[in-house]
Protein backbone atom coordinates (compact mmCIF):
# COMPACT_ATOMS: atom_id res chain seq x y z
CA ASN A 1 -30.33 -5.36 0.38
CA LYS A 2 -29.32 -5.61 4.06
CA ASN A 3 -26.61 -8.19 3.22
CA GLY A 4 -25.02 -6.01 0.49
CA TYR A 5 -24.72 -6.52 -3.23
CA PHE A 6 -22.35 -9.02 -4.73
CA VAL A 7 -21.34 -9.99 -8.25
CA GLY A 8 -20.54 -13.62 -8.82
CA PRO A 9 -17.73 -14.77 -11.10
CA THR A 10 -18.41 -13.40 -14.58
CA ILE A 11 -16.89 -14.32 -17.94
CA PHE A 12 -17.13 -12.03 -20.95
CA SER A 13 -16.35 -13.56 -24.34
CA LYS A 14 -15.59 -11.91 -27.69
CA VAL A 15 -14.19 -8.86 -25.93
CA GLU A 16 -12.52 -6.26 -28.16
CA ARG A 17 -10.47 -3.12 -27.67
CA GLY A 18 -12.78 -0.15 -27.27
CA MET A 19 -15.28 -2.02 -25.10
CA GLN A 20 -15.62 -0.51 -21.64
CA ILE A 21 -15.20 -3.95 -20.09
CA TYR A 22 -11.70 -4.11 -21.64
CA ASP A 23 -10.61 -0.48 -21.59
CA GLU A 24 -11.22 0.07 -17.87
CA GLU A 25 -9.47 -1.84 -15.12
CA ILE A 26 -11.94 -3.96 -13.16
CA PHE A 27 -11.27 -5.43 -9.73
CA GLY A 28 -13.58 -8.33 -9.13
CA PRO A 29 -14.30 -11.87 -10.23
CA VAL A 30 -14.28 -10.93 -13.94
CA LEU A 31 -12.54 -12.59 -16.86
CA CYS A 32 -12.43 -10.95 -20.28
CA CYS A 33 -11.76 -13.38 -23.13
CA VAL A 34 -10.12 -11.91 -26.22
CA GLU A 35 -9.49 -13.91 -29.37
CA VAL A 36 -6.42 -13.23 -31.49
CA ALA A 37 -4.77 -15.18 -34.29
CA THR A 38 -1.13 -15.32 -33.11
CA PHE A 39 1.01 -15.17 -30.02
CA ASP A 40 2.64 -11.94 -31.24
CA GLU A 41 -0.80 -10.37 -31.73
CA ALA A 42 -1.75 -11.40 -28.20
CA LEU A 43 1.39 -9.81 -26.71
CA LYS A 44 0.78 -6.60 -28.63
CA PHE A 45 -2.91 -6.54 -27.67
CA VAL A 46 -2.15 -6.82 -23.96
CA ASN A 47 0.86 -4.49 -24.01
CA ASP A 48 -1.12 -1.78 -25.85
CA ASN A 49 -3.52 -1.55 -22.88
CA ALA A 50 -2.96 1.38 -20.51
CA TYR A 51 -3.06 -0.95 -17.51
CA GLY A 52 -0.68 -3.67 -16.49
CA ASN A 53 -1.93 -5.28 -13.32
CA GLY A 54 -1.76 -8.96 -14.24
CA ALA A 55 -1.70 -11.33 -17.17
CA ALA A 56 -1.48 -15.08 -17.55
CA VAL A 57 -0.59 -17.55 -20.26
CA PHE A 58 -1.54 -21.21 -20.47
CA THR A 59 0.92 -23.29 -22.44
CA ARG A 60 2.81 -26.57 -22.58
CA SER A 61 5.80 -24.85 -24.14
CA GLY A 62 8.61 -23.61 -21.94
CA ALA A 63 9.79 -21.36 -24.79
CA VAL A 64 6.37 -19.70 -25.06
CA ALA A 65 6.18 -19.26 -21.29
CA ARG A 66 9.67 -17.68 -21.15
CA ARG A 67 8.89 -15.30 -24.03
CA PHE A 68 5.58 -14.31 -22.43
CA VAL A 69 7.23 -13.62 -19.06
CA ASP A 70 10.00 -11.59 -20.71
CA GLN A 71 7.82 -9.51 -23.04
CA ILE A 72 4.48 -9.00 -21.28
CA GLU A 73 4.03 -5.57 -19.68
CA ALA A 74 2.26 -6.62 -16.51
CA GLY A 75 3.38 -6.50 -12.91
CA GLN A 76 1.97 -9.88 -11.93
CA VAL A 77 2.49 -12.66 -14.42
CA GLY A 78 1.05 -16.15 -14.28
CA VAL A 79 2.14 -19.21 -16.20
CA ASN A 80 -0.50 -21.93 -16.17
CA VAL A 81 -2.30 -20.27 -13.25
CA PRO A 82 -5.56 -18.38 -13.74
CA ILE A 83 -4.98 -15.48 -11.33
CA PRO A 84 -1.41 -14.26 -10.85
CA VAL A 85 -2.23 -12.47 -7.59
CA PRO A 86 0.47 -12.93 -4.97
CA LEU A 87 0.10 -13.69 -1.32
CA PRO A 88 0.97 -10.89 1.11
CA MET A 89 4.57 -12.03 1.44
CA PHE A 90 5.11 -11.20 -2.24
CA SER A 91 5.27 -7.68 -3.60
CA PHE A 92 2.29 -6.21 -5.43
CA THR A 93 3.84 -5.30 -8.74
CA GLY A 94 1.31 -3.51 -10.89
CA ASN A 95 2.62 -1.93 -14.08
CA LYS A 96 1.77 1.20 -16.07
CA ALA A 97 -1.53 2.77 -14.88
CA SER A 98 -2.23 -0.17 -12.54
CA ILE A 99 -0.23 1.23 -9.65
CA LEU A 100 0.15 4.71 -8.22
CA GLY A 101 3.16 5.74 -6.20
CA ASP A 102 6.24 3.81 -5.31
CA LEU A 103 5.21 2.00 -2.14
CA ASN A 104 2.65 -0.64 -1.31
CA PHE A 105 2.11 -2.84 1.71
CA TYR A 106 3.15 -6.22 0.33
CA GLY A 107 6.53 -7.92 0.33
CA LYS A 108 9.77 -5.92 0.55
CA ALA A 109 8.00 -2.59 0.02
CA GLY A 110 5.77 -3.24 3.03
CA VAL A 111 8.74 -4.15 5.19
CA SER A 112 10.56 -1.05 3.99
CA PHE A 113 7.57 1.13 4.81
CA TYR A 114 7.65 0.03 8.45
CA THR A 115 11.44 -0.03 8.75
CA GLN A 116 13.79 2.78 9.67
CA LEU A 117 17.11 2.20 7.96
CA LYS A 118 20.33 3.04 9.75
CA THR A 119 23.84 3.14 8.34
CA VAL A 120 26.66 2.65 10.84
CA THR A 121 30.29 3.19 9.90
CA SER A 122 32.90 2.36 12.53
CA ALA A 123 36.57 1.65 12.97
CA TRP A 124 37.93 -0.18 16.03
CA ARG A 125 41.44 0.42 17.26
CA ASP A 126 41.89 -1.73 20.33
CA ASP A 127 45.25 -0.22 21.29
CA ASP A 128 43.83 3.31 21.45
CA TYR A 129 40.92 2.21 23.62
CA ILE A 130 43.04 0.28 26.11
CA GLU A 131 45.59 3.11 26.35
CA LYS A 132 42.89 5.75 27.06
CA LEU A 133 41.25 3.57 29.71
CA SER A 134 44.60 3.00 31.43
CA THR A 135 45.52 6.69 31.53
CA ALA A 136 42.05 7.61 32.83
CA GLY A 137 42.54 5.26 35.74
CA VAL A 138 39.96 2.78 34.52
CA GLY A 139 40.99 -0.83 34.49
CA ALA A 140 40.72 -2.60 31.18
CA GLU A 141 39.55 -6.14 31.23
């Protein structure tokens, strides 16, 4: 096709571990729906995956949200938002096999990539400076 090939938003239901759609990291408008019986089972299911790009929880409970944020092994975490992908001013924080290397071009890491750090240590002794200028015949102001 001269205009390219595109995949529209796609939802997969009844996804299970071992399915290619779950076991491989997909970048695109894809949502895999997994059904589990408990919150603990859900945490374990997600954390057992080799990847850790992003995960989200939808809840009305602050305690559930806090526990999810603390225990989920994903770099980008959403609470009551469907896609926890940051804007460029935030760092891309993939986890486990979802990121390679230690630098990326978002947030602080991006600024660091384009920044040359410099450490300056100095001590000022006004009396020494004025005395040297006077003995050299240079007027101090």
